[in-house]
Amino acid sequence: MRDTRHESEFGHGLATTLRRAGDVAGARERYERSLRPATAGRMAYSIARALTGLAACLEPDDPEAVSLRARAAALFREIGISSGPADVERGWSGDD
């Protein structure tokens, strides 16, 4: 039996560690992997965090980063986290 919430959260934490250590390629791969169980489990908060992490692996003005941040902000709004969209726009990368 899989625990998709913990799988996603652990993957996100590892991705963040890799990104902070300068391994952006490794971080991106792990953020993408953390997105899979979050999406499968329909966990909007975890999806939004993974999207912001992926955006943080790119240059801020990269069109893909802009799109990822917009998707994350929309999810935060949808689940009622009012500070989420503003945090994403300020460059929050989904780190706790």
PDB file of N, CA and C in Angstrom:
ATOM      1  N   MET A   1       0.839  -1.180   0.000  1.00  0.00           N
ATOM      2  CA  MET A   1       0.000   0.000   0.000  1.00  0.00           C
ATOM      3  C   MET A   1       0.885   1.245   0.000  1.00  0.00           C
ATOM      4  N   ARG A   2       0.618   2.143  -0.924  1.00  0.00           N
ATOM      5  CA  ARG A   2       1.392   3.375  -1.037  1.00  0.00           C
ATOM      6  C   ARG A   2       0.761   4.482  -0.210  1.00  0.00           C
ATOM      7  N   ASP A   3       1.597   5.296   0.367  1.00  0.00           N
ATOM      8  CA  ASP A   3       1.148   6.489   1.070  1.00  0.00           C
ATOM      9  C   ASP A   3       1.555   7.674   0.200  1.00  0.00           C
ATOM     10  N   THR A   4       0.663   8.072  -0.701  1.00  0.00           N
ATOM     11  CA  THR A   4       1.020   9.089  -1.690  1.00  0.00           C
ATOM     12  C   THR A   4       1.330  10.442  -1.065  1.00  0.00           C
ATOM     13  N   ARG A   5       0.669  10.770   0.040  1.00  0.00           N
ATOM     14  CA  ARG A   5       0.941  12.066   0.670  1.00  0.00           C
ATOM     15  C   ARG A   5       2.378  12.117   1.160  1.00  0.00           C
ATOM     16  N   HIS A   6       2.793  11.093   1.893  1.00  0.00           N
ATOM     17  CA  HIS A   6       4.162  11.088   2.409  1.00  0.00           C
ATOM     18  C   HIS A   6       5.185  10.939   1.289  1.00  0.00           C
ATOM     19  N   GLU A   7       4.853  10.168   0.283  1.00  0.00           N
ATOM     20  CA  GLU A   7       5.749  10.013  -0.865  1.00  0.00           C
ATOM     21  C   GLU A   7       5.991  11.370  -1.533  1.00  0.00           C
ATOM     22  N   SER A   8       4.923  12.128  -1.711  1.00  0.00           N
ATOM     23  CA  SER A   8       5.042  13.444  -2.329  1.00  0.00           C
ATOM     24  C   SER A   8       5.816  14.409  -1.435  1.00  0.00           C
ATOM     25  N   GLU A   9       5.481  14.427  -0.152  1.00  0.00           N
ATOM     26  CA  GLU A   9       6.136  15.358   0.767  1.00  0.00           C
ATOM     27  C   GLU A   9       7.622  15.034   0.939  1.00  0.00           C
ATOM     28  N   PHE A  10       7.962  13.761   1.044  1.00  0.00           N
ATOM     29  CA  PHE A  10       9.364  13.374   1.157  1.00  0.00           C
ATOM     30  C   PHE A  10      10.120  13.784  -0.101  1.00  0.00           C
ATOM     31  N   GLY A  11       9.520  13.521  -1.261  1.00  0.00           N
ATOM     32  CA  GLY A  11      10.151  13.900  -2.526  1.00  0.00           C
ATOM     33  C   GLY A  11      10.366  15.389  -2.633  1.00  0.00           C
ATOM     34  N   HIS A  12       9.389  16.151  -2.155  1.00  0.00           N
ATOM     35  CA  HIS A  12       9.514  17.613  -2.178  1.00  0.00           C
ATOM     36  C   HIS A  12      10.657  18.064  -1.283  1.00  0.00           C
ATOM     37  N   GLY A  13      10.743  17.476  -0.103  1.00  0.00           N
ATOM     38  CA  GLY A  13      11.827  17.835   0.813  1.00  0.00           C
ATOM     39  C   GLY A  13      13.194  17.523   0.241  1.00  0.00           C
ATOM     40  N   LEU A  14      13.320  16.369  -0.387  1.00  0.00           N
ATOM     41  CA  LEU A  14      14.589  16.006  -1.014  1.00  0.00           C
ATOM     42  C   LEU A  14      14.909  16.961  -2.160  1.00  0.00           C
ATOM     43  N   ALA A  15      13.905  17.301  -2.959  1.00  0.00           N
ATOM     44  CA  ALA A  15      14.107  18.236  -4.066  1.00  0.00           C
ATOM     45  C   ALA A  15      14.591  19.588  -3.558  1.00  0.00           C
ATOM     46  N   THR A  16      13.982  20.065  -2.488  1.00  0.00           N
ATOM     47  CA  THR A  16      14.377  21.351  -1.920  1.00  0.00           C
ATOM     48  C   THR A  16      15.814  21.305  -1.420  1.00  0.00           C
ATOM     49  N   THR A  17      16.188  20.213  -0.776  1.00  0.00           N
ATOM     50  CA  THR A  17      17.568  20.049  -0.307  1.00  0.00           C
ATOM     51  C   THR A  17      18.536  20.081  -1.483  1.00  0.00           C
ATOM     52  N   LEU A  18      18.212  19.367  -2.540  1.00  0.00           N
ATOM     53  CA  LEU A  18      19.076  19.350  -3.724  1.00  0.00           C
ATOM     54  C   LEU A  18      19.193  20.745  -4.341  1.00  0.00           C
ATOM     55  N   ARG A  19      18.056  21.456  -4.438  1.00  0.00           N
ATOM     56  CA  ARG A  19      18.080  22.804  -5.029  1.00  0.00           C
ATOM     57  C   ARG A  19      18.937  23.742  -4.196  1.00  0.00           C
ATOM     58  N   ARG A  20      18.778  23.675  -2.883  1.00  0.00           N
ATOM     59  CA  ARG A  20      19.574  24.545  -2.006  1.00  0.00           C
ATOM     60  C   ARG A  20      21.059  24.207  -2.064  1.00  0.00           C
ATOM     61  N   ALA A  21      21.375  22.946  -2.366  1.00  0.00           N
ATOM     62  CA  ALA A  21      22.777  22.521  -2.484  1.00  0.00           C
ATOM     63  C   ALA A  21      23.351  22.832  -3.866  1.00  0.00           C
ATOM     64  N   GLY A  22      22.527  23.375  -4.752  1.00  0.00           N
ATOM     65  CA  GLY A  22      22.999  23.758  -6.072  1.00  0.00           C
ATOM     66  C   GLY A  22      22.779  22.733  -7.164  1.00  0.00           C
ATOM     67  N   ASP A  23      22.140  21.615  -6.842  1.00  0.00           N
ATOM     68  CA  ASP A  23      21.865  20.580  -7.844  1.00  0.00           C
ATOM     69  C   ASP A  23      20.479  20.830  -8.441  1.00  0.00           C
ATOM     70  N   VAL A  24      20.411  21.808  -9.315  1.00  0.00           N
ATOM     71  CA  VAL A  24      19.123  22.211  -9.880  1.00  0.00           C
ATOM     72  C   VAL A  24      18.519  21.109 -10.748  1.00  0.00           C
ATOM     73  N   ALA A  25      19.346  20.418 -11.525  1.00  0.00           N
ATOM     74  CA  ALA A  25      18.831  19.332 -12.373  1.00  0.00           C
ATOM     75  C   ALA A  25      18.257  18.205 -11.517  1.00  0.00           C
ATOM     76  N   GLY A  26      18.963  17.836 -10.461  1.00  0.00           N
ATOM     77  CA  GLY A  26      18.465  16.805  -9.557  1.00  0.00           C
ATOM     78  C   GLY A  26      17.203  17.249  -8.848  1.00  0.00           C
ATOM     79  N   ALA A  27      17.162  18.525  -8.463  1.00  0.00           N
ATOM     80  CA  ALA A  27      15.985  19.066  -7.791  1.00  0.00           C
ATOM     81  C   ALA A  27      14.775  19.027  -8.716  1.00  0.00           C
ATOM     82  N   ARG A  28      14.982  19.445  -9.944  1.00  0.00           N
ATOM     83  CA  ARG A  28      13.865  19.449 -10.898  1.00  0.00           C
ATOM     84  C   ARG A  28      13.298  18.034 -11.066  1.00  0.00           C
ATOM     85  N   GLU A  29      14.182  17.061 -11.204  1.00  0.00           N
ATOM     86  CA  GLU A  29      13.731  15.670 -11.348  1.00  0.00           C
ATOM     87  C   GLU A  29      12.914  15.242 -10.128  1.00  0.00           C
ATOM     88  N   ARG A  30      13.384  15.589  -8.939  1.00  0.00           N
ATOM     89  CA  ARG A  30      12.674  15.197  -7.711  1.00  0.00           C
ATOM     90  C   ARG A  30      11.358  15.951  -7.547  1.00  0.00           C
ATOM     91  N   TYR A  31      11.321  17.242  -7.922  1.00  0.00           N
ATOM     92  CA  TYR A  31      10.045  17.969  -7.870  1.00  0.00           C
ATOM     93  C   TYR A  31       9.038  17.308  -8.812  1.00  0.00           C
ATOM     94  N   GLU A  32       9.505  16.931 -10.014  1.00  0.00           N
ATOM     95  CA  GLU A  32       8.614  16.255 -10.957  1.00  0.00           C
ATOM     96  C   GLU A  32       8.123  14.929 -10.383  1.00  0.00           C
ATOM     97  N   ARG A  33       9.015  14.206  -9.724  1.00  0.00           N
ATOM     98  CA  ARG A  33       8.617  12.932  -9.113  1.00  0.00           C
ATOM     99  C   ARG A  33       7.649  13.153  -7.955  1.00  0.00           C
ATOM    100  N   SER A  34       7.820  14.237  -7.196  1.00  0.00           N
ATOM    101  CA  SER A  34       6.897  14.506  -6.086  1.00  0.00           C
ATOM    102  C   SER A  34       5.530  14.943  -6.600  1.00  0.00           C
ATOM    103  N   LEU A  35       5.513  15.474  -7.816  1.00  0.00           N
ATOM    104  CA  LEU A  35       4.252  15.910  -8.413  1.00  0.00           C
ATOM    105  C   LEU A  35       3.367  14.720  -8.796  1.00  0.00           C
ATOM    106  N   ARG A  36       3.972  13.615  -9.181  1.00  0.00           N
ATOM    107  CA  ARG A  36       3.189  12.448  -9.630  1.00  0.00           C
ATOM    108  C   ARG A  36       2.244  11.908  -8.558  1.00  0.00           C
ATOM    109  N   PRO A  37       2.733  11.564  -7.363  1.00  0.00           N
ATOM    110  CA  PRO A  37       1.791  11.055  -6.354  1.00  0.00           C
ATOM    111  C   PRO A  37       0.816  12.131  -5.881  1.00  0.00           C
ATOM    112  N   ALA A  38       1.263  13.387  -5.872  1.00  0.00           N
ATOM    113  CA  ALA A  38       0.362  14.472  -5.474  1.00  0.00           C
ATOM    114  C   ALA A  38      -0.796  14.582  -6.458  1.00  0.00           C
ATOM    115  N   THR A  39      -0.475  14.467  -7.732  1.00  0.00           N
ATOM    116  CA  THR A  39      -1.510  14.528  -8.768  1.00  0.00           C
ATOM    117  C   THR A  39      -2.409  13.301  -8.695  1.00  0.00           C
ATOM    118  N   ALA A  40      -1.809  12.132  -8.537  1.00  0.00           N
ATOM    119  CA  ALA A  40      -2.593  10.894  -8.445  1.00  0.00           C
ATOM    120  C   ALA A  40      -3.541  10.932  -7.251  1.00  0.00           C
ATOM    121  N   GLY A  41      -3.083  11.514  -6.151  1.00  0.00           N
ATOM    122  CA  GLY A  41      -3.906  11.599  -4.951  1.00  0.00           C
ATOM    123  C   GLY A  41      -4.782  12.835  -4.890  1.00  0.00           C
ATOM    124  N   ARG A  42      -4.721  13.664  -5.931  1.00  0.00           N
ATOM    125  CA  ARG A  42      -5.505  14.910  -6.001  1.00  0.00           C
ATOM    126  C   ARG A  42      -5.266  15.803  -4.790  1.00  0.00           C
ATOM    127  N   MET A  43      -4.004  15.928  -4.421  1.00  0.00           N
ATOM    128  CA  MET A  43      -3.627  16.730  -3.252  1.00  0.00           C
ATOM    129  C   MET A  43      -3.188  18.115  -3.721  1.00  0.00           C
ATOM    130  N   ALA A  44      -4.144  19.033  -3.764  1.00  0.00           N
ATOM    131  CA  ALA A  44      -3.914  20.353  -4.351  1.00  0.00           C
ATOM    132  C   ALA A  44      -2.748  21.096  -3.701  1.00  0.00           C
ATOM    133  N   TYR A  45      -2.654  21.056  -2.387  1.00  0.00           N
ATOM    134  CA  TYR A  45      -1.572  21.773  -1.706  1.00  0.00           C
ATOM    135  C   TYR A  45      -0.213  21.218  -2.126  1.00  0.00           C
ATOM    136  N   SER A  46      -0.084  19.909  -2.158  1.00  0.00           N
ATOM    137  CA  SER A  46       1.181  19.292  -2.553  1.00  0.00           C
ATOM    138  C   SER A  46       1.489  19.547  -4.023  1.00  0.00           C
ATOM    139  N   ILE A  47       0.466  19.563  -4.852  1.00  0.00           N
ATOM    140  CA  ILE A  47       0.665  19.889  -6.267  1.00  0.00           C
ATOM    141  C   ILE A  47       1.196  21.310  -6.392  1.00  0.00           C
ATOM    142  N   ALA A  48       0.559  22.247  -5.691  1.00  0.00           N
ATOM    143  CA  ALA A  48       0.982  23.649  -5.760  1.00  0.00           C
ATOM    144  C   ALA A  48       2.419  23.817  -5.272  1.00  0.00           C
ATOM    145  N   ARG A  49       2.777  23.124  -4.201  1.00  0.00           N
ATOM    146  CA  ARG A  49       4.158  23.213  -3.706  1.00  0.00           C
ATOM    147  C   ARG A  49       5.147  22.669  -4.727  1.00  0.00           C
ATOM    148  N   ALA A  50       4.809  21.551  -5.360  1.00  0.00           N
ATOM    149  CA  ALA A  50       5.698  20.981  -6.378  1.00  0.00           C
ATOM    150  C   ALA A  50       5.846  21.933  -7.559  1.00  0.00           C
ATOM    151  N   LEU A  51       4.753  22.561  -7.955  1.00  0.00           N
ATOM    152  CA  LEU A  51       4.816  23.511  -9.068  1.00  0.00           C
ATOM    153  C   LEU A  51       5.697  24.706  -8.731  1.00  0.00           C
ATOM    154  N   THR A  52       5.586  25.216  -7.496  1.00  0.00           N
ATOM    155  CA  THR A  52       6.434  26.351  -7.118  1.00  0.00           C
ATOM    156  C   THR A  52       7.893  25.930  -7.047  1.00  0.00           C
ATOM    157  N   GLY A  53       8.144  24.707  -6.600  1.00  0.00           N
ATOM    158  CA  GLY A  53       9.515  24.202  -6.582  1.00  0.00           C
ATOM    159  C   GLY A  53      10.091  24.087  -7.980  1.00  0.00           C
ATOM    160  N   LEU A  54       9.290  23.558  -8.904  1.00  0.00           N
ATOM    161  CA  LEU A  54       9.737  23.467 -10.297  1.00  0.00           C
ATOM    162  C   LEU A  54      10.036  24.854 -10.856  1.00  0.00           C
ATOM    163  N   ALA A  55       9.180  25.810 -10.545  1.00  0.00           N
ATOM    164  CA  ALA A  55       9.406  27.181 -11.019  1.00  0.00           C
ATOM    165  C   ALA A  55      10.709  27.744 -10.462  1.00  0.00           C
ATOM    166  N   ALA A  56      11.024  27.398  -9.223  1.00  0.00           N
ATOM    167  CA  ALA A  56      12.249  27.904  -8.590  1.00  0.00           C
ATOM    168  C   ALA A  56      13.507  27.335  -9.236  1.00  0.00           C
ATOM    169  N   CYS A  57      13.365  26.269  -9.988  1.00  0.00           N
ATOM    170  CA  CYS A  57      14.508  25.674 -10.689  1.00  0.00           C
ATOM    171  C   CYS A  57      14.808  26.393 -12.000  1.00  0.00           C
ATOM    172  N   LEU A  58      13.959  27.325 -12.362  1.00  0.00           N
ATOM    173  CA  LEU A  58      14.102  28.058 -13.618  1.00  0.00           C
ATOM    174  C   LEU A  58      14.390  29.528 -13.331  1.00  0.00           C
ATOM    175  N   GLU A  59      14.791  30.246 -14.350  1.00  0.00           N
ATOM    176  CA  GLU A  59      14.949  31.695 -14.205  1.00  0.00           C
ATOM    177  C   GLU A  59      13.571  32.297 -13.939  1.00  0.00           C
ATOM    178  N   PRO A  60      13.481  33.318 -13.083  1.00  0.00           N
ATOM    179  CA  PRO A  60      12.172  33.871 -12.715  1.00  0.00           C
ATOM    180  C   PRO A  60      11.308  34.317 -13.896  1.00  0.00           C
ATOM    181  N   ASP A  61      11.928  34.835 -14.952  1.00  0.00           N
ATOM    182  CA  ASP A  61      11.145  35.329 -16.081  1.00  0.00           C
ATOM    183  C   ASP A  61      10.979  34.298 -17.199  1.00  0.00           C
ATOM    184  N   ASP A  62      11.447  33.086 -16.986  1.00  0.00           N
ATOM    185  CA  ASP A  62      11.263  32.009 -17.960  1.00  0.00           C
ATOM    186  C   ASP A  62       9.760  31.766 -18.124  1.00  0.00           C
ATOM    187  N   PRO A  63       9.256  31.688 -19.353  1.00  0.00           N
ATOM    188  CA  PRO A  63       7.816  31.486 -19.556  1.00  0.00           C
ATOM    189  C   PRO A  63       7.266  30.251 -18.833  1.00  0.00           C
ATOM    190  N   GLU A  64       8.052  29.188 -18.771  1.00  0.00           N
ATOM    191  CA  GLU A  64       7.590  27.993 -18.054  1.00  0.00           C
ATOM    192  C   GLU A  64       7.453  28.281 -16.560  1.00  0.00           C
ATOM    193  N   ALA A  65       8.401  29.024 -15.993  1.00  0.00           N
ATOM    194  CA  ALA A  65       8.335  29.379 -14.573  1.00  0.00           C
ATOM    195  C   ALA A  65       7.108  30.239 -14.294  1.00  0.00           C
ATOM    196  N   VAL A  66       6.847  31.185 -15.176  1.00  0.00           N
ATOM    197  CA  VAL A  66       5.674  32.054 -15.025  1.00  0.00           C
ATOM    198  C   VAL A  66       4.396  31.212 -15.042  1.00  0.00           C
ATOM    199  N   SER A  67       4.322  30.272 -15.964  1.00  0.00           N
ATOM    200  CA  SER A  67       3.154  29.397 -16.067  1.00  0.00           C
ATOM    201  C   SER A  67       3.002  28.510 -14.831  1.00  0.00           C
ATOM    202  N   LEU A  68       4.106  27.944 -14.364  1.00  0.00           N
ATOM    203  CA  LEU A  68       4.062  27.089 -13.172  1.00  0.00           C
ATOM    204  C   LEU A  68       3.592  27.874 -11.953  1.00  0.00           C
ATOM    205  N   ARG A  69       4.116  29.100 -11.787  1.00  0.00           N
ATOM    206  CA  ARG A  69       3.693  29.928 -10.650  1.00  0.00           C
ATOM    207  C   ARG A  69       2.218  30.283 -10.746  1.00  0.00           C
ATOM    208  N   ALA A  70       1.737  30.568 -11.952  1.00  0.00           N
ATOM    209  CA  ALA A  70       0.318  30.904 -12.128  1.00  0.00           C
ATOM    210  C   ALA A  70      -0.568  29.710 -11.771  1.00  0.00           C
ATOM    211  N   ARG A  71      -0.171  28.525 -12.193  1.00  0.00           N
ATOM    212  CA  ARG A  71      -0.936  27.315 -11.855  1.00  0.00           C
ATOM    213  C   ARG A  71      -0.947  27.088 -10.346  1.00  0.00           C
ATOM    214  N   ALA A  72       0.205  27.285  -9.710  1.00  0.00           N
ATOM    215  CA  ALA A  72       0.292  27.102  -8.258  1.00  0.00           C
ATOM    216  C   ALA A  72      -0.587  28.115  -7.533  1.00  0.00           C
ATOM    217  N   ALA A  73      -0.511  29.372  -7.954  1.00  0.00           N
ATOM    218  CA  ALA A  73      -1.313  30.417  -7.314  1.00  0.00           C
ATOM    219  C   ALA A  73      -2.802  30.109  -7.446  1.00  0.00           C
ATOM    220  N   ALA A  74      -3.218  29.633  -8.610  1.00  0.00           N
ATOM    221  CA  ALA A  74      -4.630  29.289  -8.814  1.00  0.00           C
ATOM    222  C   ALA A  74      -5.056  28.156  -7.882  1.00  0.00           C
ATOM    223  N   LEU A  75      -4.195  27.171  -7.702  1.00  0.00           N
ATOM    224  CA  LEU A  75      -4.519  26.071  -6.785  1.00  0.00           C
ATOM    225  C   LEU A  75      -4.624  26.563  -5.349  1.00  0.00           C
ATOM    226  N   PHE A  76      -3.698  27.426  -4.935  1.00  0.00           N
ATOM    227  CA  PHE A  76      -3.771  27.962  -3.576  1.00  0.00           C
ATOM    228  C   PHE A  76      -5.088  28.714  -3.377  1.00  0.00           C
ATOM    229  N   ARG A  77      -5.480  29.518  -4.362  1.00  0.00           N
ATOM    230  CA  ARG A  77      -6.748  30.233  -4.261  1.00  0.00           C
ATOM    231  C   ARG A  77      -7.912  29.243  -4.149  1.00  0.00           C
ATOM    232  N   GLU A  78      -7.872  28.218  -4.979  1.00  0.00           N
ATOM    233  CA  GLU A  78      -8.939  27.219  -5.024  1.00  0.00           C
ATOM    234  C   GLU A  78      -9.137  26.522  -3.682  1.00  0.00           C
ATOM    235  N   ILE A  79      -8.052  26.276  -2.953  1.00  0.00           N
ATOM    236  CA  ILE A  79      -8.184  25.578  -1.668  1.00  0.00           C
ATOM    237  C   ILE A  79      -8.260  26.539  -0.486  1.00  0.00           C
ATOM    238  N   GLY A  80      -8.327  27.834  -0.786  1.00  0.00           N
ATOM    239  CA  GLY A  80      -8.569  28.819   0.259  1.00  0.00           C
ATOM    240  C   GLY A  80      -7.355  29.288   1.028  1.00  0.00           C
ATOM    241  N   ILE A  81      -6.183  29.132   0.474  1.00  0.00           N
ATOM    242  CA  ILE A  81      -4.975  29.646   1.130  1.00  0.00           C
ATOM    243  C   ILE A  81      -4.712  31.030   0.551  1.00  0.00           C
ATOM    244  N   SER A  82      -5.200  32.028   1.255  1.00  0.00           N
ATOM    245  CA  SER A  82      -5.180  33.383   0.710  1.00  0.00           C
ATOM    246  C   SER A  82      -3.776  33.939   0.514  1.00  0.00           C
ATOM    247  N   SER A  83      -2.836  33.545   1.353  1.00  0.00           N
ATOM    248  CA  SER A  83      -1.477  34.073   1.208  1.00  0.00           C
ATOM    249  C   SER A  83      -0.699  33.346   0.119  1.00  0.00           C
ATOM    250  N   GLY A  84      -1.170  32.180  -0.296  1.00  0.00           N
ATOM    251  CA  GLY A  84      -0.454  31.375  -1.285  1.00  0.00           C
ATOM    252  C   GLY A  84      -0.121  32.101  -2.571  1.00  0.00           C
ATOM    253  N   PRO A  85      -1.113  32.700  -3.252  1.00  0.00           N
ATOM    254  CA  PRO A  85      -0.803  33.377  -4.508  1.00  0.00           C
ATOM    255  C   PRO A  85       0.210  34.503  -4.348  1.00  0.00           C
ATOM    256  N   ALA A  86       0.064  35.295  -3.298  1.00  0.00           N
ATOM    257  CA  ALA A  86       1.014  36.389  -3.077  1.00  0.00           C
ATOM    258  C   ALA A  86       2.402  35.849  -2.770  1.00  0.00           C
ATOM    259  N   ASP A  87       2.467  34.786  -1.981  1.00  0.00           N
ATOM    260  CA  ASP A  87       3.764  34.174  -1.671  1.00  0.00           C
ATOM    261  C   ASP A  87       4.442  33.671  -2.932  1.00  0.00           C
ATOM    262  N   VAL A  88       3.670  33.039  -3.808  1.00  0.00           N
ATOM    263  CA  VAL A  88       4.218  32.515  -5.057  1.00  0.00           C
ATOM    264  C   VAL A  88       4.756  33.661  -5.903  1.00  0.00           C
ATOM    265  N   GLU A  89       4.008  34.737  -5.996  1.00  0.00           N
ATOM    266  CA  GLU A  89       4.451  35.878  -6.798  1.00  0.00           C
ATOM    267  C   GLU A  89       5.704  36.537  -6.217  1.00  0.00           C
ATOM    268  N   ARG A  90       5.887  36.451  -4.917  1.00  0.00           N
ATOM    269  CA  ARG A  90       7.097  37.008  -4.281  1.00  0.00           C
ATOM    270  C   ARG A  90       8.291  36.084  -4.447  1.00  0.00           C
ATOM    271  N   GLY A  91       8.059  34.920  -5.043  1.00  0.00           N
ATOM    272  CA  GLY A  91       9.166  34.012  -5.292  1.00  0.00           C
ATOM    273  C   GLY A  91       9.273  32.854  -4.327  1.00  0.00           C
ATOM    274  N   TRP A  92       8.264  32.656  -3.468  1.00  0.00           N
ATOM    275  CA  TRP A  92       8.280  31.508  -2.562  1.00  0.00           C
ATOM    276  C   TRP A  92       8.398  30.253  -3.390  1.00  0.00           C
ATOM    277  N   SER A  93       9.230  29.340  -2.969  1.00  0.00           N
ATOM    278  CA  SER A  93       9.497  28.150  -3.768  1.00  0.00           C
ATOM    279  C   SER A  93       8.843  26.891  -3.207  1.00  0.00           C
ATOM    280  N   GLY A  94       7.870  27.056  -2.344  1.00  0.00           N
ATOM    281  CA  GLY A  94       7.187  25.889  -1.805  1.00  0.00           C
ATOM    282  C   GLY A  94       7.873  25.291  -0.600  1.00  0.00           C
ATOM    283  N   ASP A  95       8.915  25.955  -0.124  1.00  0.00           N
ATOM    284  CA  ASP A  95       9.640  25.476   1.049  1.00  0.00           C
ATOM    285  C   ASP A  95       8.879  25.891   2.296  1.00  0.00           C
ATOM    286  N   ASP A  96       8.888  25.035   3.274  1.00  0.00           N
ATOM    287  CA  ASP A  96       8.247  25.399   4.553  1.00  0.00           C
ATOM    288  C   ASP A  96       9.165  26.227   5.396  1.00  0.00           C
TER     289      ASP A  96
END
